Amino acid sequence: MKTVLSTANAPAAIGPYSQGIDGGSVVITSGQLPIDPATGNFAEGGIGAQTRQSLLNIQNILKEAGLTMDNVVKTTVFLKDMNDFGAMNEAYAEFFPGNPPARSAVEVARLPKDAAIEIEAIAVR
């Protein structure tokens, strides 16, 4: 059984995919760009603010499934520029102050809408 997750508190999908899928014991979010759902624009303030926005979007999708960031067991961070790793890491740590999930961080050639960052997550019940 799977349930499509959808919330107005995260950006709408810009293609044929869901914001997230609730698979019962596992919830998986699609990659979240740093788009503020209230404005439709990227968060302003550099990679730190954009990291926070991507993670807020994930947090809001998980909330639809009754979960929190404490349920996250794995994330993948896609960066346009690995030189942003330090600032991303600092903002990222705010969302996982204790017992952080496993994580991969990779530099990519290009992201949708020419974003600087995209983050996806896997959470468990």
PDB file of N, CA and C in Angstrom:
ATOM      1  N   MET A   1       0.833  -1.181   0.000  1.00  0.00           N
ATOM      2  CA  MET A   1       0.000   0.000   0.000  1.00  0.00           C
ATOM      3  C   MET A   1       0.880   1.247   0.000  1.00  0.00           C
ATOM      4  N   LYS A   2       0.501   2.228  -0.809  1.00  0.00           N
ATOM      5  CA  LYS A   2       1.204   3.498  -0.780  1.00  0.00           C
ATOM      6  C   LYS A   2       0.189   4.628  -0.838  1.00  0.00           C
ATOM      7  N   THR A   3       0.550   5.693  -0.156  1.00  0.00           N
ATOM      8  CA  THR A   3      -0.287   6.883  -0.128  1.00  0.00           C
ATOM      9  C   THR A   3       0.537   8.056  -0.617  1.00  0.00           C
ATOM     10  N   VAL A   4      -0.009   8.812  -1.546  1.00  0.00           N
ATOM     11  CA  VAL A   4       0.660  10.006  -2.047  1.00  0.00           C
ATOM     12  C   VAL A   4       0.512  11.103  -1.003  1.00  0.00           C
ATOM     13  N   LEU A   5       1.629  11.748  -0.680  1.00  0.00           N
ATOM     14  CA  LEU A   5       1.616  12.860   0.267  1.00  0.00           C
ATOM     15  C   LEU A   5       1.604  14.169  -0.509  1.00  0.00           C
ATOM     16  N   SER A   6       0.781  15.087  -0.065  1.00  0.00           N
ATOM     17  CA  SER A   6       0.681  16.386  -0.713  1.00  0.00           C
ATOM     18  C   SER A   6       0.303  17.431   0.332  1.00  0.00           C
ATOM     19  N   THR A   7       1.033  18.521   0.336  1.00  0.00           N
ATOM     20  CA  THR A   7       0.752  19.616   1.259  1.00  0.00           C
ATOM     21  C   THR A   7       0.985  20.951   0.570  1.00  0.00           C
ATOM     22  N   ALA A   8       0.185  21.928   0.929  1.00  0.00           N
ATOM     23  CA  ALA A   8       0.381  23.290   0.416  1.00  0.00           C
ATOM     24  C   ALA A   8       1.570  23.953   1.102  1.00  0.00           C
ATOM     25  N   ASN A   9       2.109  23.317   2.150  1.00  0.00           N
ATOM     26  CA  ASN A   9       3.236  23.880   2.898  1.00  0.00           C
ATOM     27  C   ASN A   9       4.589  23.470   2.324  1.00  0.00           C
ATOM     28  N   ALA A  10       4.574  22.892   1.137  1.00  0.00           N
ATOM     29  CA  ALA A  10       5.788  22.575   0.384  1.00  0.00           C
ATOM     30  C   ALA A  10       5.458  22.872  -1.075  1.00  0.00           C
ATOM     31  N   PRO A  11       6.473  23.133  -1.893  1.00  0.00           N
ATOM     32  CA  PRO A  11       6.189  23.462  -3.291  1.00  0.00           C
ATOM     33  C   PRO A  11       5.494  22.308  -4.013  1.00  0.00           C
ATOM     34  N   ALA A  12       4.586  22.661  -4.896  1.00  0.00           N
ATOM     35  CA  ALA A  12       3.917  21.652  -5.715  1.00  0.00           C
ATOM     36  C   ALA A  12       4.936  21.002  -6.638  1.00  0.00           C
ATOM     37  N   ALA A  13       4.678  19.763  -6.992  1.00  0.00           N
ATOM     38  CA  ALA A  13       5.552  19.060  -7.931  1.00  0.00           C
ATOM     39  C   ALA A  13       5.556  19.792  -9.274  1.00  0.00           C
ATOM     40  N   ILE A  14       6.726  19.851  -9.904  1.00  0.00           N
ATOM     41  CA  ILE A  14       6.834  20.530 -11.199  1.00  0.00           C
ATOM     42  C   ILE A  14       6.960  19.512 -12.336  1.00  0.00           C
ATOM     43  N   GLY A  15       6.483  18.319 -12.087  1.00  0.00           N
ATOM     44  CA  GLY A  15       6.527  17.246 -13.077  1.00  0.00           C
ATOM     45  C   GLY A  15       5.651  16.101 -12.621  1.00  0.00           C
ATOM     46  N   PRO A  16       5.760  14.964 -13.296  1.00  0.00           N
ATOM     47  CA  PRO A  16       4.928  13.807 -12.953  1.00  0.00           C
ATOM     48  C   PRO A  16       5.493  13.011 -11.779  1.00  0.00           C
ATOM     49  N   TYR A  17       5.477  13.619 -10.612  1.00  0.00           N
ATOM     50  CA  TYR A  17       5.938  12.959  -9.388  1.00  0.00           C
ATOM     51  C   TYR A  17       5.180  13.531  -8.205  1.00  0.00           C
ATOM     52  N   SER A  18       5.306  12.884  -7.073  1.00  0.00           N
ATOM     53  CA  SER A  18       4.635  13.314  -5.847  1.00  0.00           C
ATOM     54  C   SER A  18       5.628  13.988  -4.925  1.00  0.00           C
ATOM     55  N   GLN A  19       5.133  14.848  -4.030  1.00  0.00           N
ATOM     56  CA  GLN A  19       6.003  15.446  -3.016  1.00  0.00           C
ATOM     57  C   GLN A  19       6.620  14.359  -2.152  1.00  0.00           C
ATOM     58  N   GLY A  20       5.832  13.340  -1.890  1.00  0.00           N
ATOM     59  CA  GLY A  20       6.320  12.231  -1.085  1.00  0.00           C
ATOM     60  C   GLY A  20       5.381  11.049  -1.188  1.00  0.00           C
ATOM     61  N   ILE A  21       5.889   9.912  -0.749  1.00  0.00           N
ATOM     62  CA  ILE A  21       5.094   8.684  -0.732  1.00  0.00           C
ATOM     63  C   ILE A  21       5.200   8.067   0.654  1.00  0.00           C
ATOM     64  N   ASP A  22       4.039   7.741   1.207  1.00  0.00           N
ATOM     65  CA  ASP A  22       3.966   7.036   2.482  1.00  0.00           C
ATOM     66  C   ASP A  22       3.757   5.567   2.165  1.00  0.00           C
ATOM     67  N   GLY A  23       4.767   4.764   2.447  1.00  0.00           N
ATOM     68  CA  GLY A  23       4.690   3.335   2.174  1.00  0.00           C
ATOM     69  C   GLY A  23       4.356   2.514   3.402  1.00  0.00           C
ATOM     70  N   GLY A  24       3.827   3.158   4.426  1.00  0.00           N
ATOM     71  CA  GLY A  24       3.490   2.442   5.655  1.00  0.00           C
ATOM     72  C   GLY A  24       4.598   2.559   6.675  1.00  0.00           C
ATOM     73  N   SER A  25       5.601   1.718   6.569  1.00  0.00           N
ATOM     74  CA  SER A  25       6.719   1.791   7.510  1.00  0.00           C
ATOM     75  C   SER A  25       7.804   2.754   7.038  1.00  0.00           C
ATOM     76  N   VAL A  26       7.757   3.121   5.750  1.00  0.00           N
ATOM     77  CA  VAL A  26       8.763   4.009   5.168  1.00  0.00           C
ATOM     78  C   VAL A  26       8.073   5.168   4.463  1.00  0.00           C
ATOM     79  N   VAL A  27       8.599   6.366   4.651  1.00  0.00           N
ATOM     80  CA  VAL A  27       8.134   7.554   3.934  1.00  0.00           C
ATOM     81  C   VAL A  27       9.322   8.120   3.181  1.00  0.00           C
ATOM     82  N   ILE A  28       9.116   8.374   1.894  1.00  0.00           N
ATOM     83  CA  ILE A  28      10.185   8.891   1.037  1.00  0.00           C
ATOM     84  C   ILE A  28       9.717  10.206   0.432  1.00  0.00           C
ATOM     85  N   THR A  29      10.557  11.231   0.545  1.00  0.00           N
ATOM     86  CA  THR A  29      10.230  12.505  -0.090  1.00  0.00           C
ATOM     87  C   THR A  29      10.961  12.597  -1.421  1.00  0.00           C
ATOM     88  N   SER A  30      10.332  13.296  -2.342  1.00  0.00           N
ATOM     89  CA  SER A  30      11.032  13.653  -3.566  1.00  0.00           C
ATOM     90  C   SER A  30      12.058  14.722  -3.205  1.00  0.00           C
ATOM     91  N   GLY A  31      12.994  14.942  -4.090  1.00  0.00           N
ATOM     92  CA  GLY A  31      13.975  15.993  -3.865  1.00  0.00           C
ATOM     93  C   GLY A  31      13.280  17.334  -3.730  1.00  0.00           C
ATOM     94  N   GLN A  32      13.668  18.081  -2.712  1.00  0.00           N
ATOM     95  CA  GLN A  32      13.048  19.373  -2.450  1.00  0.00           C
ATOM     96  C   GLN A  32      14.014  20.507  -2.778  1.00  0.00           C
ATOM     97  N   LEU A  33      13.595  21.333  -3.723  1.00  0.00           N
ATOM     98  CA  LEU A  33      14.335  22.544  -4.042  1.00  0.00           C
ATOM     99  C   LEU A  33      14.067  23.566  -2.947  1.00  0.00           C
ATOM    100  N   PRO A  34      14.876  24.608  -2.866  1.00  0.00           N
ATOM    101  CA  PRO A  34      14.692  25.622  -1.823  1.00  0.00           C
ATOM    102  C   PRO A  34      13.621  26.655  -2.169  1.00  0.00           C
ATOM    103  N   ILE A  35      12.474  26.161  -2.620  1.00  0.00           N
ATOM    104  CA  ILE A  35      11.375  27.040  -3.019  1.00  0.00           C
ATOM    105  C   ILE A  35      10.462  27.294  -1.830  1.00  0.00           C
ATOM    106  N   ASP A  36      10.214  28.562  -1.561  1.00  0.00           N
ATOM    107  CA  ASP A  36       9.256  28.959  -0.532  1.00  0.00           C
ATOM    108  C   ASP A  36       7.865  28.769  -1.123  1.00  0.00           C
ATOM    109  N   PRO A  37       7.047  27.873  -0.562  1.00  0.00           N
ATOM    110  CA  PRO A  37       5.733  27.621  -1.157  1.00  0.00           C
ATOM    111  C   PRO A  37       4.803  28.833  -1.117  1.00  0.00           C
ATOM    112  N   ALA A  38       5.064  29.770  -0.220  1.00  0.00           N
ATOM    113  CA  ALA A  38       4.216  30.965  -0.124  1.00  0.00           C
ATOM    114  C   ALA A  38       4.457  31.927  -1.284  1.00  0.00           C
ATOM    115  N   THR A  39       5.692  31.945  -1.800  1.00  0.00           N
ATOM    116  CA  THR A  39       6.026  32.895  -2.863  1.00  0.00           C
ATOM    117  C   THR A  39       6.305  32.227  -4.207  1.00  0.00           C
ATOM    118  N   GLY A  40       6.678  30.955  -4.176  1.00  0.00           N
ATOM    119  CA  GLY A  40       7.068  30.271  -5.401  1.00  0.00           C
ATOM    120  C   GLY A  40       8.478  30.585  -5.841  1.00  0.00           C
ATOM    121  N   ASN A  41       9.209  31.325  -5.006  1.00  0.00           N
ATOM    122  CA  ASN A  41      10.575  31.723  -5.335  1.00  0.00           C
ATOM    123  C   ASN A  41      11.574  31.003  -4.442  1.00  0.00           C
ATOM    124  N   PHE A  42      12.828  30.978  -4.901  1.00  0.00           N
ATOM    125  CA  PHE A  42      13.890  30.433  -4.058  1.00  0.00           C
ATOM    126  C   PHE A  42      14.049  31.290  -2.813  1.00  0.00           C
ATOM    127  N   ALA A  43      14.377  30.643  -1.702  1.00  0.00           N
ATOM    128  CA  ALA A  43      14.663  31.370  -0.467  1.00  0.00           C
ATOM    129  C   ALA A  43      15.861  32.283  -0.705  1.00  0.00           C
ATOM    130  N   GLU A  44      15.784  33.471  -0.157  1.00  0.00           N
ATOM    131  CA  GLU A  44      16.874  34.432  -0.303  1.00  0.00           C
ATOM    132  C   GLU A  44      17.818  34.317   0.877  1.00  0.00           C
ATOM    133  N   GLY A  45      19.108  34.599   0.638  1.00  0.00           N
ATOM    134  CA  GLY A  45      20.066  34.599   1.732  1.00  0.00           C
ATOM    135  C   GLY A  45      21.202  33.613   1.564  1.00  0.00           C
ATOM    136  N   GLY A  46      21.384  33.084   0.360  1.00  0.00           N
ATOM    137  CA  GLY A  46      22.514  32.203   0.129  1.00  0.00           C
ATOM    138  C   GLY A  46      22.209  30.751   0.427  1.00  0.00           C
ATOM    139  N   ILE A  47      23.242  29.940   0.388  1.00  0.00           N
ATOM    140  CA  ILE A  47      23.072  28.493   0.506  1.00  0.00           C
ATOM    141  C   ILE A  47      22.545  28.072   1.880  1.00  0.00           C
ATOM    142  N   GLY A  48      22.870  28.814   2.937  1.00  0.00           N
ATOM    143  CA  GLY A  48      22.344  28.486   4.260  1.00  0.00           C
ATOM    144  C   GLY A  48      20.827  28.596   4.295  1.00  0.00           C
ATOM    145  N   ALA A  49      20.311  29.712   3.802  1.00  0.00           N
ATOM    146  CA  ALA A  49      18.858  29.919   3.767  1.00  0.00           C
ATOM    147  C   ALA A  49      18.191  28.928   2.824  1.00  0.00           C
ATOM    148  N   GLN A  50      18.855  28.591   1.741  1.00  0.00           N
ATOM    149  CA  GLN A  50      18.278  27.645   0.791  1.00  0.00           C
ATOM    150  C   GLN A  50      18.267  26.225   1.358  1.00  0.00           C
ATOM    151  N   THR A  51      19.290  25.876   2.107  1.00  0.00           N
ATOM    152  CA  THR A  51      19.310  24.578   2.778  1.00  0.00           C
ATOM    153  C   THR A  51      18.154  24.488   3.768  1.00  0.00           C
ATOM    154  N   ARG A  52      17.982  25.536   4.559  1.00  0.00           N
ATOM    155  CA  ARG A  52      16.890  25.562   5.528  1.00  0.00           C
ATOM    156  C   ARG A  52      15.535  25.400   4.838  1.00  0.00           C
ATOM    157  N   GLN A  53      15.346  26.095   3.701  1.00  0.00           N
ATOM    158  CA  GLN A  53      14.059  26.017   3.007  1.00  0.00           C
ATOM    159  C   GLN A  53      13.808  24.616   2.466  1.00  0.00           C
ATOM    160  N   SER A  54      14.828  24.002   1.875  1.00  0.00           N
ATOM    161  CA  SER A  54      14.658  22.626   1.385  1.00  0.00           C
ATOM    162  C   SER A  54      14.280  21.699   2.532  1.00  0.00           C
ATOM    163  N   LEU A  55      14.925  21.860   3.672  1.00  0.00           N
ATOM    164  CA  LEU A  55      14.628  21.012   4.834  1.00  0.00           C
ATOM    165  C   LEU A  55      13.270  21.338   5.453  1.00  0.00           C
ATOM    166  N   LEU A  56      12.865  22.598   5.430  1.00  0.00           N
ATOM    167  CA  LEU A  56      11.511  22.951   5.895  1.00  0.00           C
ATOM    168  C   LEU A  56      10.466  22.285   5.010  1.00  0.00           C
ATOM    169  N   ASN A  57      10.725  22.256   3.705  1.00  0.00           N
ATOM    170  CA  ASN A  57       9.791  21.591   2.794  1.00  0.00           C
ATOM    171  C   ASN A  57       9.686  20.110   3.130  1.00  0.00           C
ATOM    172  N   ILE A  58      10.823  19.472   3.386  1.00  0.00           N
ATOM    173  CA  ILE A  58      10.826  18.063   3.785  1.00  0.00           C
ATOM    174  C   ILE A  58      10.061  17.891   5.094  1.00  0.00           C
ATOM    175  N   GLN A  59      10.339  18.750   6.050  1.00  0.00           N
ATOM    176  CA  GLN A  59       9.674  18.690   7.355  1.00  0.00           C
ATOM    177  C   GLN A  59       8.151  18.765   7.192  1.00  0.00           C
ATOM    178  N   ASN A  60       7.684  19.633   6.318  1.00  0.00           N
ATOM    179  CA  ASN A  60       6.241  19.793   6.112  1.00  0.00           C
ATOM    180  C   ASN A  60       5.620  18.597   5.402  1.00  0.00           C
ATOM    181  N   ILE A  61       6.350  17.978   4.498  1.00  0.00           N
ATOM    182  CA  ILE A  61       5.860  16.763   3.840  1.00  0.00           C
ATOM    183  C   ILE A  61       5.769  15.627   4.864  1.00  0.00           C
ATOM    184  N   LEU A  62       6.802  15.487   5.682  1.00  0.00           N
ATOM    185  CA  LEU A  62       6.786  14.446   6.713  1.00  0.00           C
ATOM    186  C   LEU A  62       5.644  14.660   7.699  1.00  0.00           C
ATOM    187  N   LYS A  63       5.364  15.908   8.007  1.00  0.00           N
ATOM    188  CA  LYS A  63       4.274  16.227   8.929  1.00  0.00           C
ATOM    189  C   LYS A  63       2.933  15.693   8.397  1.00  0.00           C
ATOM    190  N   GLU A  64       2.750  15.739   7.072  1.00  0.00           N
ATOM    191  CA  GLU A  64       1.538  15.199   6.460  1.00  0.00           C
ATOM    192  C   GLU A  64       1.383  13.703   6.751  1.00  0.00           C
ATOM    193  N   ALA A  65       2.513  13.030   6.949  1.00  0.00           N
ATOM    194  CA  ALA A  65       2.495  11.592   7.252  1.00  0.00           C
ATOM    195  C   ALA A  65       2.538  11.331   8.748  1.00  0.00           C
ATOM    196  N   GLY A  66       2.494  12.405   9.552  1.00  0.00           N
ATOM    197  CA  GLY A  66       2.526  12.244  11.000  1.00  0.00           C
ATOM    198  C   GLY A  66       3.923  12.010  11.548  1.00  0.00           C
ATOM    199  N   LEU A  67       4.946  12.388  10.788  1.00  0.00           N
ATOM    200  CA  LEU A  67       6.330  12.176  11.201  1.00  0.00           C
ATOM    201  C   LEU A  67       7.052  13.499  11.430  1.00  0.00           C
ATOM    202  N   THR A  68       8.230  13.408  12.036  1.00  0.00           N
ATOM    203  CA  THR A  68       9.080  14.572  12.251  1.00  0.00           C
ATOM    204  C   THR A  68      10.463  14.279  11.673  1.00  0.00           C
ATOM    205  N   MET A  69      11.337  15.240  11.777  1.00  0.00           N
ATOM    206  CA  MET A  69      12.703  15.049  11.298  1.00  0.00           C
ATOM    207  C   MET A  69      13.432  13.973  12.105  1.00  0.00           C
ATOM    208  N   ASP A  70      12.954  13.681  13.298  1.00  0.00           N
ATOM    209  CA  ASP A  70      13.551  12.604  14.093  1.00  0.00           C
ATOM    210  C   ASP A  70      13.364  11.234  13.440  1.00  0.00           C
ATOM    211  N   ASN A  71      12.387  11.117  12.545  1.00  0.00           N
ATOM    212  CA  ASN A  71      12.127   9.852  11.856  1.00  0.00           C
ATOM    213  C   ASN A  71      13.032   9.650  10.632  1.00  0.00           C
ATOM    214  N   VAL A  72      13.768  10.688  10.234  1.00  0.00           N
ATOM    215  CA  VAL A  72      14.600  10.603   9.032  1.00  0.00           C
ATOM    216  C   VAL A  72      15.816   9.722   9.299  1.00  0.00           C
ATOM    217  N   VAL A  73      16.022   8.742   8.414  1.00  0.00           N
ATOM    218  CA  VAL A  73      17.160   7.837   8.555  1.00  0.00           C
ATOM    219  C   VAL A  73      18.211   8.049   7.473  1.00  0.00           C
ATOM    220  N   LYS A  74      17.849   8.723   6.365  1.00  0.00           N
ATOM    221  CA  LYS A  74      18.795   8.933   5.268  1.00  0.00           C
ATOM    222  C   LYS A  74      18.395  10.158   4.475  1.00  0.00           C
ATOM    223  N   THR A  75      19.379  10.974   4.125  1.00  0.00           N
ATOM    224  CA  THR A  75      19.151  12.086   3.213  1.00  0.00           C
ATOM    225  C   THR A  75      20.204  12.036   2.107  1.00  0.00           C
ATOM    226  N   THR A  76      19.851  12.653   1.012  1.00  0.00           N
ATOM    227  CA  THR A  76      20.812  12.880  -0.057  1.00  0.00           C
ATOM    228  C   THR A  76      20.754  14.364  -0.384  1.00  0.00           C
ATOM    229  N   VAL A  77      21.912  15.005  -0.378  1.00  0.00           N
ATOM    230  CA  VAL A  77      22.034  16.430  -0.673  1.00  0.00           C
ATOM    231  C   VAL A  77      22.731  16.565  -2.017  1.00  0.00           C
ATOM    232  N   PHE A  78      22.085  17.253  -2.924  1.00  0.00           N
ATOM    233  CA  PHE A  78      22.656  17.535  -4.234  1.00  0.00           C
ATOM    234  C   PHE A  78      23.051  19.014  -4.252  1.00  0.00           C
ATOM    235  N   LEU A  79      24.325  19.277  -4.451  1.00  0.00           N
ATOM    236  CA  LEU A  79      24.840  20.646  -4.473  1.00  0.00           C
ATOM    237  C   LEU A  79      25.323  21.008  -5.868  1.00  0.00           C
ATOM    238  N   LYS A  80      25.019  22.221  -6.278  1.00  0.00           N
ATOM    239  CA  LYS A  80      25.538  22.718  -7.551  1.00  0.00           C
ATOM    240  C   LYS A  80      27.036  22.986  -7.445  1.00  0.00           C
ATOM    241  N   ASP A  81      27.481  23.373  -6.239  1.00  0.00           N
ATOM    242  CA  ASP A  81      28.889  23.713  -6.024  1.00  0.00           C
ATOM    243  C   ASP A  81      29.336  23.163  -4.674  1.00  0.00           C
ATOM    244  N   MET A  82      30.280  22.232  -4.684  1.00  0.00           N
ATOM    245  CA  MET A  82      30.755  21.613  -3.443  1.00  0.00           C
ATOM    246  C   MET A  82      31.430  22.632  -2.529  1.00  0.00           C
ATOM    247  N   ASN A  83      31.792  23.783  -3.044  1.00  0.00           N
ATOM    248  CA  ASN A  83      32.331  24.845  -2.189  1.00  0.00           C
ATOM    249  C   ASN A  83      31.283  25.352  -1.201  1.00  0.00           C
ATOM    250  N   ASP A  84      30.013  25.045  -1.435  1.00  0.00           N
ATOM    251  CA  ASP A  84      28.931  25.426  -0.523  1.00  0.00           C
ATOM    252  C   ASP A  84      28.733  24.418   0.600  1.00  0.00           C
ATOM    253  N   PHE A  85      29.545  23.354   0.623  1.00  0.00           N
ATOM    254  CA  PHE A  85      29.344  22.274   1.586  1.00  0.00           C
ATOM    255  C   PHE A  85      29.359  22.763   3.030  1.00  0.00           C
ATOM    256  N   GLY A  86      30.328  23.592   3.404  1.00  0.00           N
ATOM    257  CA  GLY A  86      30.437  24.052   4.791  1.00  0.00           C
ATOM    258  C   GLY A  86      29.209  24.816   5.251  1.00  0.00           C
ATOM    259  N   ALA A  87      28.753  25.758   4.449  1.00  0.00           N
ATOM    260  CA  ALA A  87      27.575  26.556   4.810  1.00  0.00           C
ATOM    261  C   ALA A  87      26.318  25.687   4.811  1.00  0.00           C
ATOM    262  N   MET A  88      26.231  24.755   3.865  1.00  0.00           N
ATOM    263  CA  MET A  88      25.100  23.822   3.841  1.00  0.00           C
ATOM    264  C   MET A  88      25.109  22.989   5.110  1.00  0.00           C
ATOM    265  N   ASN A  89      26.270  22.474   5.453  1.00  0.00           N
ATOM    266  CA  ASN A  89      26.399  21.590   6.611  1.00  0.00           C
ATOM    267  C   ASN A  89      25.982  22.299   7.905  1.00  0.00           C
ATOM    268  N   GLU A  90      26.346  23.551   8.018  1.00  0.00           N
ATOM    269  CA  GLU A  90      25.999  24.333   9.212  1.00  0.00           C
ATOM    270  C   GLU A  90      24.480  24.481   9.343  1.00  0.00           C
ATOM    271  N   ALA A  91      23.816  24.836   8.248  1.00  0.00           N
ATOM    272  CA  ALA A  91      22.357  24.990   8.276  1.00  0.00           C
ATOM    273  C   ALA A  91      21.677  23.633   8.463  1.00  0.00           C
ATOM    274  N   TYR A  92      22.194  22.609   7.821  1.00  0.00           N
ATOM    275  CA  TYR A  92      21.653  21.251   7.907  1.00  0.00           C
ATOM    276  C   TYR A  92      21.653  20.770   9.355  1.00  0.00           C
ATOM    277  N   ALA A  93      22.730  21.055  10.075  1.00  0.00           N
ATOM    278  CA  ALA A  93      22.876  20.601  11.463  1.00  0.00           C
ATOM    279  C   ALA A  93      21.771  21.157  12.363  1.00  0.00           C
ATOM    280  N   GLU A  94      21.187  22.294  12.018  1.00  0.00           N
ATOM    281  CA  GLU A  94      20.104  22.880  12.809  1.00  0.00           C
ATOM    282  C   GLU A  94      18.885  21.954  12.850  1.00  0.00           C
ATOM    283  N   PHE A  95      18.678  21.168  11.810  1.00  0.00           N
ATOM    284  CA  PHE A  95      17.516  20.294  11.716  1.00  0.00           C
ATOM    285  C   PHE A  95      17.749  18.924  12.339  1.00  0.00           C
ATOM    286  N   PHE A  96      19.029  18.597  12.591  1.00  0.00           N
ATOM    287  CA  PHE A  96      19.386  17.296  13.149  1.00  0.00           C
ATOM    288  C   PHE A  96      20.396  17.490  14.277  1.00  0.00           C
ATOM    289  N   PRO A  97      19.954  18.115  15.390  1.00  0.00           N
ATOM    290  CA  PRO A  97      20.902  18.434  16.461  1.00  0.00           C
ATOM    291  C   PRO A  97      21.458  17.220  17.197  1.00  0.00           C
ATOM    292  N   GLY A  98      20.742  16.127  17.194  1.00  0.00           N
ATOM    293  CA  GLY A  98      21.211  14.905  17.850  1.00  0.00           C
ATOM    294  C   GLY A  98      20.854  13.704  17.003  1.00  0.00           C
ATOM    295  N   ASN A  99      21.711  12.710  16.977  1.00  0.00           N
ATOM    296  CA  ASN A  99      21.463  11.492  16.213  1.00  0.00           C
ATOM    297  C   ASN A  99      21.083  11.778  14.760  1.00  0.00           C
ATOM    298  N   PRO A 100      21.958  12.456  14.016  1.00  0.00           N
ATOM    299  CA  PRO A 100      21.626  12.779  12.629  1.00  0.00           C
ATOM    300  C   PRO A 100      21.522  11.519  11.769  1.00  0.00           C
ATOM    301  N   PRO A 101      20.763  11.622  10.668  1.00  0.00           N
ATOM    302  CA  PRO A 101      20.609  10.469   9.784  1.00  0.00           C
ATOM    303  C   PRO A 101      21.874  10.230   8.950  1.00  0.00           C
ATOM    304  N   ALA A 102      21.909   9.091   8.291  1.00  0.00           N
ATOM    305  CA  ALA A 102      22.954   8.862   7.292  1.00  0.00           C
ATOM    306  C   ALA A 102      22.746   9.891   6.181  1.00  0.00           C
ATOM    307  N   ARG A 103      23.841  10.227   5.479  1.00  0.00           N
ATOM    308  CA  ARG A 103      23.714  11.262   4.449  1.00  0.00           C
ATOM    309  C   ARG A 103      24.748  11.057   3.363  1.00  0.00           C
ATOM    310  N   SER A 104      24.348  11.361   2.154  1.00  0.00           N
ATOM    311  CA  SER A 104      25.270  11.493   1.034  1.00  0.00           C
ATOM    312  C   SER A 104      25.174  12.933   0.563  1.00  0.00           C
ATOM    313  N   ALA A 105      26.280  13.497   0.122  1.00  0.00           N
ATOM    314  CA  ALA A 105      26.290  14.843  -0.451  1.00  0.00           C
ATOM    315  C   ALA A 105      27.143  14.797  -1.706  1.00  0.00           C
ATOM    316  N   VAL A 106      26.552  15.174  -2.810  1.00  0.00           N
ATOM    317  CA  VAL A 106      27.257  15.122  -4.079  1.00  0.00           C
ATOM    318  C   VAL A 106      27.109  16.429  -4.844  1.00  0.00           C
ATOM    319  N   GLU A 107      28.133  16.748  -5.606  1.00  0.00           N
ATOM    320  CA  GLU A 107      28.048  17.894  -6.509  1.00  0.00           C
ATOM    321  C   GLU A 107      27.484  17.407  -7.837  1.00  0.00           C
ATOM    322  N   VAL A 108      26.558  18.167  -8.379  1.00  0.00           N
ATOM    323  CA  VAL A 108      25.930  17.810  -9.647  1.00  0.00           C
ATOM    324  C   VAL A 108      26.113  18.940 -10.649  1.00  0.00           C
ATOM    325  N   ALA A 109      26.019  18.607 -11.917  1.00  0.00           N
ATOM    326  CA  ALA A 109      26.225  19.597 -12.963  1.00  0.00           C
ATOM    327  C   ALA A 109      25.099  20.623 -13.011  1.00  0.00           C
ATOM    328  N   ARG A 110      23.866  20.160 -12.777  1.00  0.00           N
ATOM    329  CA  ARG A 110      22.742  21.083 -12.870  1.00  0.00           C
ATOM    330  C   ARG A 110      21.531  20.498 -12.161  1.00  0.00           C
ATOM    331  N   LEU A 111      20.743  21.370 -11.552  1.00  0.00           N
ATOM    332  CA  LEU A 111      19.518  20.987 -10.860  1.00  0.00           C
ATOM    333  C   LEU A 111      18.325  21.677 -11.516  1.00  0.00           C
ATOM    334  N   PRO A 112      17.105  21.176 -11.302  1.00  0.00           N
ATOM    335  CA  PRO A 112      15.930  21.840 -11.865  1.00  0.00           C
ATOM    336  C   PRO A 112      15.876  23.315 -11.463  1.00  0.00           C
ATOM    337  N   LYS A 113      15.444  24.130 -12.391  1.00  0.00           N
ATOM    338  CA  LYS A 113      15.316  25.581 -12.181  1.00  0.00           C
ATOM    339  C   LYS A 113      16.658  26.227 -11.833  1.00  0.00           C
ATOM    340  N   ASP A 114      17.756  25.545 -12.148  1.00  0.00           N
ATOM    341  CA  ASP A 114      19.105  26.023 -11.845  1.00  0.00           C
ATOM    342  C   ASP A 114      19.315  26.293 -10.354  1.00  0.00           C
ATOM    343  N   ALA A 115      18.671  25.481  -9.529  1.00  0.00           N
ATOM    344  CA  ALA A 115      18.807  25.608  -8.076  1.00  0.00           C
ATOM    345  C   ALA A 115      20.240  25.308  -7.644  1.00  0.00           C
ATOM    346  N   ALA A 116      20.607  25.819  -6.473  1.00  0.00           N
ATOM    347  CA  ALA A 116      21.931  25.572  -5.903  1.00  0.00           C
ATOM    348  C   ALA A 116      21.946  24.303  -5.051  1.00  0.00           C
ATOM    349  N   ILE A 117      20.760  23.837  -4.637  1.00  0.00           N
ATOM    350  CA  ILE A 117      20.667  22.674  -3.750  1.00  0.00           C
ATOM    351  C   ILE A 117      19.328  21.973  -3.939  1.00  0.00           C
ATOM    352  N   GLU A 118      19.333  20.683  -3.704  1.00  0.00           N
ATOM    353  CA  GLU A 118      18.119  19.874  -3.647  1.00  0.00           C
ATOM    354  C   GLU A 118      18.389  18.777  -2.613  1.00  0.00           C
ATOM    355  N   ILE A 119      17.399  18.491  -1.774  1.00  0.00           N
ATOM    356  CA  ILE A 119      17.571  17.484  -0.724  1.00  0.00           C
ATOM    357  C   ILE A 119      16.375  16.531  -0.750  1.00  0.00           C
ATOM    358  N   GLU A 120      16.662  15.229  -0.620  1.00  0.00           N
ATOM    359  CA  GLU A 120      15.611  14.229  -0.494  1.00  0.00           C
ATOM    360  C   GLU A 120      15.830  13.467   0.802  1.00  0.00           C
ATOM    361  N   ALA A 121      14.759  12.833   1.294  1.00  0.00           N
ATOM    362  CA  ALA A 121      14.863  12.138   2.583  1.00  0.00           C
ATOM    363  C   ALA A 121      14.081  10.840   2.585  1.00  0.00           C
ATOM    364  N   ILE A 122      14.545   9.931   3.425  1.00  0.00           N
ATOM    365  CA  ILE A 122      13.851   8.674   3.725  1.00  0.00           C
ATOM    366  C   ILE A 122      13.626   8.662   5.233  1.00  0.00           C
ATOM    367  N   ALA A 123      12.388   8.412   5.635  1.00  0.00           N
ATOM    368  CA  ALA A 123      12.037   8.361   7.054  1.00  0.00           C
ATOM    369  C   ALA A 123      11.329   7.045   7.344  1.00  0.00           C
ATOM    370  N   VAL A 124      11.406   6.608   8.598  1.00  0.00           N
ATOM    371  CA  VAL A 124      10.759   5.366   9.012  1.00  0.00           C
ATOM    372  C   VAL A 124       9.869   5.611  10.228  1.00  0.00           C
ATOM    373  N   ARG A 125       8.860   4.763  10.351  1.00  0.00           N
ATOM    374  CA  ARG A 125       7.979   4.830  11.523  1.00  0.00           C
ATOM    375  C   ARG A 125       8.559   3.965  12.612  1.00  0.00           C
TER     376      ARG A 125
END
